[in-house]
Amino acid sequence: MAKTVNDLTWDDLEGAARQAWGEAARRTLDAGLPVTGSRNGRLVRRYPDGTIEDLGPVSPVRQPRFETGVRNNGFGADKFGLKKLKQVHWNLGAPQLYQYSLTAGEAVLSADGALCADTGEFTGRSPKDKFTVRDATTDKKMWWAGNQSITAEQFETLYQDFLKHAEGKKLFAQDLYGGADPA
């Protein structure tokens, strides 16, 4: 039987989040990739071979009051053109994300502690809705078979529409990296 947010204790939430994080970290390490997290106020990276690299202290970032969490010092909502946001939560861990989704009534916990959300009729990814700007940089480097292109002007129109849509919204952001490792 699923629990609703009114049935939860902090221990339920913390335990389920810890289990979910542990499983995700194990899958990541099993795939041969490092996992980065914090331990005792320090940022650490664990490698698949078991070694742990200390990346230094977790330092709070000076950021606008509507932004919470720890983020890359070089980036913030304003760097992406986002304005008039209600709130931005940066790099939250599983416990905080569980808490937000349960409190907002967007999910429930299963009897085993898994977070369950109903995504409606539109589930999964939409590969036909993915586009890359075709320009001098991408034209010769991108494998275009099976990939769709748009012009820089079309991207700018979509981007401005997104920025306008985001005004007044609460956003959850993660500092992530994409693409091939240049090393």
C-alpha atoms as a PDB file:
ATOM      1  CA  MET A   1       0.000   0.000   0.000  1.00  0.00           C
ATOM      2  CA  ALA A   2       1.358   3.418  -0.979  1.00  0.00           C
ATOM      3  CA  LYS A   3       1.888   6.104   1.638  1.00  0.00           C
ATOM      4  CA  THR A   4       0.742   9.663   1.082  1.00  0.00           C
ATOM      5  CA  VAL A   5       2.719  12.664   2.263  1.00  0.00           C
ATOM      6  CA  ASN A   6       0.527  12.842   5.370  1.00  0.00           C
ATOM      7  CA  ASP A   7       1.582   9.296   6.353  1.00  0.00           C
ATOM      8  CA  LEU A   8       5.330   9.934   6.054  1.00  0.00           C
ATOM      9  CA  THR A   9       7.893  10.441   8.727  1.00  0.00           C
ATOM     10  CA  TRP A  10      11.242  12.077   8.087  1.00  0.00           C
ATOM     11  CA  ASP A  11      12.860   8.670   8.662  1.00  0.00           C
ATOM     12  CA  ASP A  12      10.686   7.162   5.870  1.00  0.00           C
ATOM     13  CA  LEU A  13      11.757   9.879   3.483  1.00  0.00           C
ATOM     14  CA  GLU A  14      15.412   9.822   4.423  1.00  0.00           C
ATOM     15  CA  GLY A  15      15.591   6.019   4.259  1.00  0.00           C
ATOM     16  CA  ALA A  16      13.950   5.834   0.829  1.00  0.00           C
ATOM     17  CA  ALA A  17      16.186   8.601  -0.524  1.00  0.00           C
ATOM     18  CA  ARG A  18      19.312   6.971   0.908  1.00  0.00           C
ATOM     19  CA  GLN A  19      18.335   3.657  -0.716  1.00  0.00           C
ATOM     20  CA  ALA A  20      17.617   5.327  -4.086  1.00  0.00           C
ATOM     21  CA  TRP A  21      20.897   7.282  -3.982  1.00  0.00           C
ATOM     22  CA  GLY A  22      22.855   4.161  -3.017  1.00  0.00           C
ATOM     23  CA  GLU A  23      21.378   2.152  -5.889  1.00  0.00           C
ATOM     24  CA  ALA A  24      22.040   4.961  -8.397  1.00  0.00           C
ATOM     25  CA  ALA A  25      25.611   5.345  -7.145  1.00  0.00           C
ATOM     26  CA  ARG A  26      26.221   1.585  -7.379  1.00  0.00           C
ATOM     27  CA  ARG A  27      24.873   1.484 -10.961  1.00  0.00           C
ATOM     28  CA  THR A  28      27.078   4.446 -11.896  1.00  0.00           C
ATOM     29  CA  LEU A  29      30.191   2.855 -10.378  1.00  0.00           C
ATOM     30  CA  ASP A  30      29.326  -0.501 -11.995  1.00  0.00           C
ATOM     31  CA  ALA A  31      29.207   1.320 -15.349  1.00  0.00           C
ATOM     32  CA  GLY A  32      32.813   2.411 -14.736  1.00  0.00           C
ATOM     33  CA  LEU A  33      31.986   6.056 -13.958  1.00  0.00           C
ATOM     34  CA  PRO A  34      32.932   8.070 -10.861  1.00  0.00           C
ATOM     35  CA  VAL A  35      30.334   9.385  -8.402  1.00  0.00           C
ATOM     36  CA  THR A  36      30.653  12.834  -6.831  1.00  0.00           C
ATOM     37  CA  GLY A  37      28.995  13.771  -3.548  1.00  0.00           C
ATOM     38  CA  SER A  38      29.647  15.369  -0.204  1.00  0.00           C
ATOM     39  CA  ARG A  39      30.888  13.838   3.020  1.00  0.00           C
ATOM     40  CA  ASN A  40      31.468  15.698   6.276  1.00  0.00           C
ATOM     41  CA  GLY A  41      31.365  19.098   4.566  1.00  0.00           C
ATOM     42  CA  ARG A  42      33.817  18.062   1.845  1.00  0.00           C
ATOM     43  CA  LEU A  43      33.205  17.412  -1.837  1.00  0.00           C
ATOM     44  CA  VAL A  44      34.482  13.920  -2.723  1.00  0.00           C
ATOM     45  CA  ARG A  45      34.650  11.774  -5.848  1.00  0.00           C
ATOM     46  CA  ARG A  46      34.534   7.972  -5.569  1.00  0.00           C
ATOM     47  CA  TYR A  47      36.018   5.973  -8.447  1.00  0.00           C
ATOM     48  CA  PRO A  48      34.985   2.470  -9.555  1.00  0.00           C
ATOM     49  CA  ASP A  49      38.267   1.043  -8.194  1.00  0.00           C
ATOM     50  CA  GLY A  50      37.285   2.237  -4.690  1.00  0.00           C
ATOM     51  CA  THR A  51      39.645   5.201  -4.440  1.00  0.00           C
ATOM     52  CA  ILE A  52      38.229   8.447  -3.097  1.00  0.00           C
ATOM     53  CA  GLU A  53      39.445  11.877  -4.191  1.00  0.00           C
ATOM     54  CA  ASP A  54      38.924  14.850  -1.864  1.00  0.00           C
ATOM     55  CA  LEU A  55      37.873  17.811  -4.033  1.00  0.00           C
ATOM     56  CA  GLY A  56      37.889  20.342  -1.202  1.00  0.00           C
ATOM     57  CA  PRO A  57      35.349  21.925   1.090  1.00  0.00           C
ATOM     58  CA  VAL A  58      31.763  22.421   0.046  1.00  0.00           C
ATOM     59  CA  SER A  59      31.515  26.177   0.114  1.00  0.00           C
ATOM     60  CA  PRO A  60      28.270  28.057  -0.023  1.00  0.00           C
ATOM     61  CA  VAL A  61      27.884  30.168  -3.133  1.00  0.00           C
ATOM     62  CA  ARG A  62      26.835  33.764  -2.859  1.00  0.00           C
ATOM     63  CA  GLN A  63      23.638  33.822  -4.860  1.00  0.00           C
ATOM     64  CA  PRO A  64      20.337  35.664  -5.034  1.00  0.00           C
ATOM     65  CA  ARG A  65      17.839  34.840  -2.275  1.00  0.00           C
ATOM     66  CA  PHE A  66      15.508  33.071  -4.694  1.00  0.00           C
ATOM     67  CA  GLU A  67      18.275  30.539  -5.448  1.00  0.00           C
ATOM     68  CA  THR A  68      18.954  27.705  -2.986  1.00  0.00           C
ATOM     69  CA  GLY A  69      21.526  24.924  -2.912  1.00  0.00           C
ATOM     70  CA  VAL A  70      25.173  24.751  -3.924  1.00  0.00           C
ATOM     71  CA  ARG A  71      26.009  25.530  -7.528  1.00  0.00           C
ATOM     72  CA  ASN A  72      28.951  26.126  -9.824  1.00  0.00           C
ATOM     73  CA  ASN A  73      30.244  29.639  -9.045  1.00  0.00           C
ATOM     74  CA  GLY A  74      30.463  30.480 -12.748  1.00  0.00           C
ATOM     75  CA  PHE A  75      26.782  29.864 -13.432  1.00  0.00           C
ATOM     76  CA  GLY A  76      23.420  30.935 -12.146  1.00  0.00           C
ATOM     77  CA  ALA A  77      19.959  31.402 -13.544  1.00  0.00           C
ATOM     78  CA  ASP A  78      20.912  34.837 -14.870  1.00  0.00           C
ATOM     79  CA  LYS A  79      23.760  33.359 -16.981  1.00  0.00           C
ATOM     80  CA  PHE A  80      21.139  31.464 -18.998  1.00  0.00           C
ATOM     81  CA  GLY A  81      18.934  34.515 -19.483  1.00  0.00           C
ATOM     82  CA  LEU A  82      16.331  33.389 -16.934  1.00  0.00           C
ATOM     83  CA  LYS A  83      14.557  36.305 -15.252  1.00  0.00           C
ATOM     84  CA  LYS A  84      11.676  36.886 -12.845  1.00  0.00           C
ATOM     85  CA  LEU A  85      11.856  33.326 -11.512  1.00  0.00           C
ATOM     86  CA  LYS A  86       9.919  32.357  -8.432  1.00  0.00           C
ATOM     87  CA  GLN A  87      12.743  30.130  -7.184  1.00  0.00           C
ATOM     88  CA  VAL A  88      15.668  27.982  -8.367  1.00  0.00           C
ATOM     89  CA  HIS A  89      16.868  24.949  -6.396  1.00  0.00           C
ATOM     90  CA  TRP A  90      20.399  23.913  -7.425  1.00  0.00           C
ATOM     91  CA  ASN A  91      21.833  20.384  -7.169  1.00  0.00           C
ATOM     92  CA  LEU A  92      19.434  19.055  -4.566  1.00  0.00           C
ATOM     93  CA  GLY A  93      19.993  15.551  -3.256  1.00  0.00           C
ATOM     94  CA  ALA A  94      17.458  12.746  -3.295  1.00  0.00           C
ATOM     95  CA  PRO A  95      16.014  13.527   0.183  1.00  0.00           C
ATOM     96  CA  GLN A  96      15.211  17.118  -0.778  1.00  0.00           C
ATOM     97  CA  LEU A  97      13.759  16.109  -4.149  1.00  0.00           C
ATOM     98  CA  TYR A  98      11.624  13.439  -2.458  1.00  0.00           C
ATOM     99  CA  GLN A  99      10.404  16.026   0.036  1.00  0.00           C
ATOM    100  CA  TYR A 100       9.452  18.556  -2.645  1.00  0.00           C
ATOM    101  CA  SER A 101       7.619  16.032  -4.833  1.00  0.00           C
ATOM    102  CA  LEU A 102       5.737  14.469  -1.919  1.00  0.00           C
ATOM    103  CA  THR A 103       4.782  17.803  -0.352  1.00  0.00           C
ATOM    104  CA  ALA A 104       3.541  19.103  -3.721  1.00  0.00           C
ATOM    105  CA  GLY A 105       1.410  15.973  -4.138  1.00  0.00           C
ATOM    106  CA  GLU A 106       3.279  15.048  -7.334  1.00  0.00           C
ATOM    107  CA  ALA A 107       4.333  11.602  -6.071  1.00  0.00           C
ATOM    108  CA  VAL A 108       3.766   8.966  -3.393  1.00  0.00           C
ATOM    109  CA  LEU A 109       6.024   6.428  -1.740  1.00  0.00           C
ATOM    110  CA  SER A 110       5.444   2.754  -2.441  1.00  0.00           C
ATOM    111  CA  ALA A 111       5.353   0.279   0.436  1.00  0.00           C
ATOM    112  CA  ASP A 112       9.038  -0.426  -0.327  1.00  0.00           C
ATOM    113  CA  GLY A 113       9.996   3.251  -0.247  1.00  0.00           C
ATOM    114  CA  ALA A 114      10.293   3.893  -3.990  1.00  0.00           C
ATOM    115  CA  LEU A 115       9.079   7.273  -5.235  1.00  0.00           C
ATOM    116  CA  CYS A 116       6.140   6.805  -7.616  1.00  0.00           C
ATOM    117  CA  ALA A 117       4.879   9.569  -9.901  1.00  0.00           C
ATOM    118  CA  ASP A 118       2.124   9.438 -12.518  1.00  0.00           C
ATOM    119  CA  THR A 119       3.498  11.135 -15.631  1.00  0.00           C
ATOM    120  CA  GLY A 120       0.179  11.008 -17.492  1.00  0.00           C
ATOM    121  CA  GLU A 121      -0.172   9.922 -21.081  1.00  0.00           C
ATOM    122  CA  PHE A 122       3.178  11.370 -22.183  1.00  0.00           C
ATOM    123  CA  THR A 123       5.861   9.076 -20.793  1.00  0.00           C
ATOM    124  CA  GLY A 124       9.428   8.337 -21.756  1.00  0.00           C
ATOM    125  CA  ARG A 125      11.661  10.363 -23.995  1.00  0.00           C
ATOM    126  CA  SER A 126      10.691  12.015 -27.268  1.00  0.00           C
ATOM    127  CA  PRO A 127      13.534  11.323 -29.720  1.00  0.00           C
ATOM    128  CA  LYS A 128      11.671  13.013 -32.579  1.00  0.00           C
ATOM    129  CA  ASP A 129      11.518  16.229 -30.539  1.00  0.00           C
ATOM    130  CA  LYS A 130      15.307  16.573 -30.327  1.00  0.00           C
ATOM    131  CA  PHE A 131      17.028  19.069 -32.631  1.00  0.00           C
ATOM    132  CA  THR A 132      20.579  20.373 -33.087  1.00  0.00           C
ATOM    133  CA  VAL A 133      21.448  23.783 -34.494  1.00  0.00           C
ATOM    134  CA  ARG A 134      23.105  23.296 -37.874  1.00  0.00           C
ATOM    135  CA  ASP A 135      25.793  25.924 -38.344  1.00  0.00           C
ATOM    136  CA  ALA A 136      29.453  26.181 -39.338  1.00  0.00           C
ATOM    137  CA  THR A 137      30.521  24.429 -36.109  1.00  0.00           C
ATOM    138  CA  THR A 138      28.142  21.470 -36.268  1.00  0.00           C
ATOM    139  CA  ASP A 139      27.629  21.002 -40.007  1.00  0.00           C
ATOM    140  CA  LYS A 140      30.746  18.892 -40.636  1.00  0.00           C
ATOM    141  CA  LYS A 141      31.150  17.429 -37.121  1.00  0.00           C
ATOM    142  CA  MET A 142      27.621  16.154 -36.487  1.00  0.00           C
ATOM    143  CA  TRP A 143      26.372  12.818 -37.767  1.00  0.00           C
ATOM    144  CA  TRP A 144      23.094  13.994 -39.309  1.00  0.00           C
ATOM    145  CA  ALA A 145      21.564  10.626 -40.292  1.00  0.00           C
ATOM    146  CA  GLY A 146      18.636  10.177 -37.927  1.00  0.00           C
ATOM    147  CA  ASN A 147      19.211  13.591 -36.329  1.00  0.00           C
ATOM    148  CA  GLN A 148      17.129  16.672 -37.010  1.00  0.00           C
ATOM    149  CA  SER A 149      18.505  20.150 -37.503  1.00  0.00           C
ATOM    150  CA  ILE A 150      17.191  23.661 -36.938  1.00  0.00           C
ATOM    151  CA  THR A 151      18.638  27.052 -37.803  1.00  0.00           C
ATOM    152  CA  ALA A 152      20.141  29.405 -35.244  1.00  0.00           C
ATOM    153  CA  GLU A 153      17.141  31.695 -35.803  1.00  0.00           C
ATOM    154  CA  GLN A 154      14.674  28.870 -35.076  1.00  0.00           C
ATOM    155  CA  PHE A 155      16.613  28.003 -31.904  1.00  0.00           C
ATOM    156  CA  GLU A 156      16.578  31.633 -30.763  1.00  0.00           C
ATOM    157  CA  THR A 157      12.784  31.793 -31.213  1.00  0.00           C
ATOM    158  CA  LEU A 158      12.313  28.613 -29.146  1.00  0.00           C
ATOM    159  CA  TYR A 159      14.806  29.793 -26.523  1.00  0.00           C
ATOM    160  CA  GLN A 160      13.065  33.152 -26.061  1.00  0.00           C
ATOM    161  CA  ASP A 161       9.721  31.331 -25.795  1.00  0.00           C
ATOM    162  CA  PHE A 162      11.203  29.063 -23.096  1.00  0.00           C
ATOM    163  CA  LEU A 163      12.620  32.032 -21.156  1.00  0.00           C
ATOM    164  CA  LYS A 164       9.226  33.758 -21.198  1.00  0.00           C
ATOM    165  CA  HIS A 165       7.470  30.523 -20.120  1.00  0.00           C
ATOM    166  CA  ALA A 166       9.901  30.060 -17.190  1.00  0.00           C
ATOM    167  CA  GLU A 167       9.085  33.471 -15.666  1.00  0.00           C
ATOM    168  CA  GLY A 168       7.347  33.061 -12.313  1.00  0.00           C
ATOM    169  CA  LYS A 169       8.180  29.332 -12.137  1.00  0.00           C
ATOM    170  CA  LYS A 170      10.031  27.292  -9.527  1.00  0.00           C
ATOM    171  CA  LEU A 171      12.937  25.460 -11.222  1.00  0.00           C
ATOM    172  CA  PHE A 172      15.114  22.550 -10.123  1.00  0.00           C
ATOM    173  CA  ALA A 173      18.586  22.711 -11.705  1.00  0.00           C
ATOM    174  CA  GLN A 174      21.615  20.404 -11.786  1.00  0.00           C
ATOM    175  CA  ASP A 175      25.188  21.254 -12.802  1.00  0.00           C
ATOM    176  CA  LEU A 176      25.885  18.538 -15.375  1.00  0.00           C
ATOM    177  CA  TYR A 177      28.231  17.950 -18.265  1.00  0.00           C
ATOM    178  CA  GLY A 178      27.348  16.401 -21.619  1.00  0.00           C
ATOM    179  CA  GLY A 179      29.306  15.125 -24.576  1.00  0.00           C
ATOM    180  CA  ALA A 180      32.516  13.211 -25.059  1.00  0.00           C
ATOM    181  CA  ASP A 181      35.341  13.486 -22.568  1.00  0.00           C
ATOM    182  CA  PRO A 182      38.101  15.399 -24.383  1.00  0.00           C
ATOM    183  CA  ALA A 183      40.842  13.637 -22.344  1.00  0.00           C
END
